[in-house]
Amino acid sequence: MTEEQLTQAHAVLDVKRLAIVNRTVVRLLHDAVYPSNTVESPTTTKIRSILKTPEVTNILQGEKMPTESEWAVHPWLMPAVHMPVRQTAAVWQAPRAGHPLEHM
């Protein structure tokens, strides 16, 4: 196997491995927030727009993402990287009047 073939083989494996990591993290986030047989809370309602999307459905079904080939070089393009940040931002929006964090 030449050096170039070895490099190509590693790139293919990197893409496959990162796709599995992305799908696993998204599934863990989704299942942690929406376990089966539970009623939605106000917090889960806030992050519905992040975890109940066509993108998440496609990831959970194992469909190939358009940016998968770039993840080994640009991992920040993985949906699993920015979903926790978007969830945190949705949950910790500006505090309501009378909230203990109102003056922070």
C-alpha atoms as a PDB file:
ATOM      1  CA  MET A   1       0.000   0.000   0.000  1.00  0.00           C
ATOM      2  CA  THR A   2       1.443   3.366  -0.973  1.00  0.00           C
ATOM      3  CA  GLU A   3       1.546   6.381   1.321  1.00  0.00           C
ATOM      4  CA  GLU A   4      -1.193   8.057  -0.726  1.00  0.00           C
ATOM      5  CA  GLN A   5      -3.453   4.993  -0.529  1.00  0.00           C
ATOM      6  CA  LEU A   6      -2.873   4.794   3.197  1.00  0.00           C
ATOM      7  CA  THR A   7      -3.784   8.471   3.592  1.00  0.00           C
ATOM      8  CA  GLN A   8      -6.985   7.949   1.574  1.00  0.00           C
ATOM      9  CA  ALA A   9      -7.895   4.885   3.626  1.00  0.00           C
ATOM     10  CA  HIS A  10      -7.439   6.843   6.858  1.00  0.00           C
ATOM     11  CA  ALA A  11      -9.592   9.683   5.508  1.00  0.00           C
ATOM     12  CA  VAL A  12     -12.418   7.245   4.703  1.00  0.00           C
ATOM     13  CA  LEU A  13     -12.193   5.707   8.163  1.00  0.00           C
ATOM     14  CA  ASP A  14     -12.147   9.153   9.799  1.00  0.00           C
ATOM     15  CA  VAL A  15     -15.357  10.145   7.993  1.00  0.00           C
ATOM     16  CA  LYS A  16     -17.078   6.883   8.966  1.00  0.00           C
ATOM     17  CA  ARG A  17     -15.947   7.119  12.595  1.00  0.00           C
ATOM     18  CA  LEU A  18     -17.013  10.763  12.927  1.00  0.00           C
ATOM     19  CA  ALA A  19     -20.418   9.980  11.403  1.00  0.00           C
ATOM     20  CA  ILE A  20     -20.910   7.298  14.063  1.00  0.00           C
ATOM     21  CA  VAL A  21     -19.792   9.697  16.809  1.00  0.00           C
ATOM     22  CA  ASN A  22     -22.150  12.410  15.531  1.00  0.00           C
ATOM     23  CA  ARG A  23     -25.119  10.031  15.361  1.00  0.00           C
ATOM     24  CA  THR A  24     -24.362   8.602  18.820  1.00  0.00           C
ATOM     25  CA  VAL A  25     -24.062  12.021  20.489  1.00  0.00           C
ATOM     26  CA  VAL A  26     -27.225  13.325  18.821  1.00  0.00           C
ATOM     27  CA  ARG A  27     -29.108  10.173  19.878  1.00  0.00           C
ATOM     28  CA  LEU A  28     -27.848  10.522  23.469  1.00  0.00           C
ATOM     29  CA  LEU A  29     -28.902  14.177  23.598  1.00  0.00           C
ATOM     30  CA  HIS A  30     -32.289  13.390  22.093  1.00  0.00           C
ATOM     31  CA  ASP A  31     -32.983  10.398  24.340  1.00  0.00           C
ATOM     32  CA  ALA A  32     -31.813  12.243  27.464  1.00  0.00           C
ATOM     33  CA  VAL A  33     -34.275  15.058  26.808  1.00  0.00           C
ATOM     34  CA  TYR A  34     -37.107  12.984  25.352  1.00  0.00           C
ATOM     35  CA  PRO A  35     -37.093   9.567  27.079  1.00  0.00           C
ATOM     36  CA  SER A  36     -39.965   7.373  25.972  1.00  0.00           C
ATOM     37  CA  ASN A  37     -43.284   7.617  27.808  1.00  0.00           C
ATOM     38  CA  THR A  38     -42.708  11.022  29.414  1.00  0.00           C
ATOM     39  CA  VAL A  39     -44.629  14.260  29.341  1.00  0.00           C
ATOM     40  CA  GLU A  40     -42.908  17.358  27.982  1.00  0.00           C
ATOM     41  CA  SER A  41     -41.819  19.905  30.548  1.00  0.00           C
ATOM     42  CA  PRO A  42     -41.364  23.640  29.944  1.00  0.00           C
ATOM     43  CA  THR A  43     -37.629  23.030  29.479  1.00  0.00           C
ATOM     44  CA  THR A  44     -38.065  20.281  26.902  1.00  0.00           C
ATOM     45  CA  THR A  45     -40.529  22.484  25.064  1.00  0.00           C
ATOM     46  CA  LYS A  46     -37.861  25.214  24.838  1.00  0.00           C
ATOM     47  CA  ILE A  47     -35.381  22.909  23.138  1.00  0.00           C
ATOM     48  CA  ARG A  48     -37.904  21.171  20.876  1.00  0.00           C
ATOM     49  CA  SER A  49     -36.784  23.420  18.002  1.00  0.00           C
ATOM     50  CA  ILE A  50     -33.266  21.966  18.345  1.00  0.00           C
ATOM     51  CA  LEU A  51     -33.928  18.248  18.845  1.00  0.00           C
ATOM     52  CA  LYS A  52     -37.193  17.702  16.988  1.00  0.00           C
ATOM     53  CA  THR A  53     -36.059  18.814  13.541  1.00  0.00           C
ATOM     54  CA  PRO A  54     -35.729  17.130  10.146  1.00  0.00           C
ATOM     55  CA  GLU A  55     -31.924  17.343  10.558  1.00  0.00           C
ATOM     56  CA  VAL A  56     -32.026  15.367  13.814  1.00  0.00           C
ATOM     57  CA  THR A  57     -34.465  12.868  12.315  1.00  0.00           C
ATOM     58  CA  ASN A  58     -32.100  12.330   9.363  1.00  0.00           C
ATOM     59  CA  ILE A  59     -29.124  11.879  11.710  1.00  0.00           C
ATOM     60  CA  LEU A  60     -31.005   9.373  13.868  1.00  0.00           C
ATOM     61  CA  GLN A  61     -32.031   7.437  10.747  1.00  0.00           C
ATOM     62  CA  GLY A  62     -28.377   7.213   9.686  1.00  0.00           C
ATOM     63  CA  GLU A  63     -28.623   9.404   6.595  1.00  0.00           C
ATOM     64  CA  LYS A  64     -25.420  10.921   5.251  1.00  0.00           C
ATOM     65  CA  MET A  65     -24.950  14.577   6.187  1.00  0.00           C
ATOM     66  CA  PRO A  66     -23.797  17.033   3.489  1.00  0.00           C
ATOM     67  CA  THR A  67     -20.696  18.126   5.426  1.00  0.00           C
ATOM     68  CA  GLU A  68     -19.536  14.662   6.616  1.00  0.00           C
ATOM     69  CA  SER A  69     -16.507  14.633   4.332  1.00  0.00           C
ATOM     70  CA  GLU A  70     -15.229  17.818   5.984  1.00  0.00           C
ATOM     71  CA  TRP A  71     -15.587  16.746   9.639  1.00  0.00           C
ATOM     72  CA  ALA A  72     -12.088  15.288   9.999  1.00  0.00           C
ATOM     73  CA  VAL A  73     -10.597  18.665   9.088  1.00  0.00           C
ATOM     74  CA  HIS A  74     -13.382  20.908  10.439  1.00  0.00           C
ATOM     75  CA  PRO A  75     -15.027  19.054  13.361  1.00  0.00           C
ATOM     76  CA  TRP A  76     -17.014  22.144  14.360  1.00  0.00           C
ATOM     77  CA  LEU A  77     -19.279  21.447  11.364  1.00  0.00           C
ATOM     78  CA  MET A  78     -20.669  18.369  13.116  1.00  0.00           C
ATOM     79  CA  PRO A  79     -24.213  18.971  14.382  1.00  0.00           C
ATOM     80  CA  ALA A  80     -23.299  17.129  17.596  1.00  0.00           C
ATOM     81  CA  VAL A  81     -20.734  19.827  18.364  1.00  0.00           C
ATOM     82  CA  HIS A  82     -23.092  22.793  18.340  1.00  0.00           C
ATOM     83  CA  MET A  83     -26.339  21.171  19.562  1.00  0.00           C
ATOM     84  CA  PRO A  84     -25.349  21.244  23.268  1.00  0.00           C
ATOM     85  CA  VAL A  85     -24.494  24.939  22.950  1.00  0.00           C
ATOM     86  CA  ARG A  86     -27.826  25.693  21.288  1.00  0.00           C
ATOM     87  CA  GLN A  87     -29.626  23.691  23.998  1.00  0.00           C
ATOM     88  CA  THR A  88     -27.867  25.567  26.774  1.00  0.00           C
ATOM     89  CA  ALA A  89     -28.688  28.910  25.163  1.00  0.00           C
ATOM     90  CA  ALA A  90     -32.354  27.927  24.805  1.00  0.00           C
ATOM     91  CA  VAL A  91     -32.666  26.811  28.425  1.00  0.00           C
ATOM     92  CA  TRP A  92     -30.714  29.724  29.923  1.00  0.00           C
ATOM     93  CA  GLN A  93     -32.476  32.544  28.117  1.00  0.00           C
ATOM     94  CA  ALA A  94     -32.823  35.909  29.836  1.00  0.00           C
ATOM     95  CA  PRO A  95     -34.231  35.317  33.337  1.00  0.00           C
ATOM     96  CA  ARG A  96     -37.798  36.286  34.070  1.00  0.00           C
ATOM     97  CA  ALA A  97     -38.703  38.968  36.595  1.00  0.00           C
ATOM     98  CA  GLY A  98     -38.288  37.627  40.107  1.00  0.00           C
ATOM     99  CA  HIS A  99     -35.926  34.876  38.956  1.00  0.00           C
ATOM    100  CA  PRO A 100     -32.874  34.416  41.276  1.00  0.00           C
ATOM    101  CA  LEU A 101     -30.503  35.064  38.338  1.00  0.00           C
ATOM    102  CA  GLU A 102     -32.291  38.248  37.317  1.00  0.00           C
ATOM    103  CA  HIS A 103     -29.597  40.584  38.690  1.00  0.00           C
ATOM    104  CA  MET A 104     -26.543  38.607  37.557  1.00  0.00           C
END
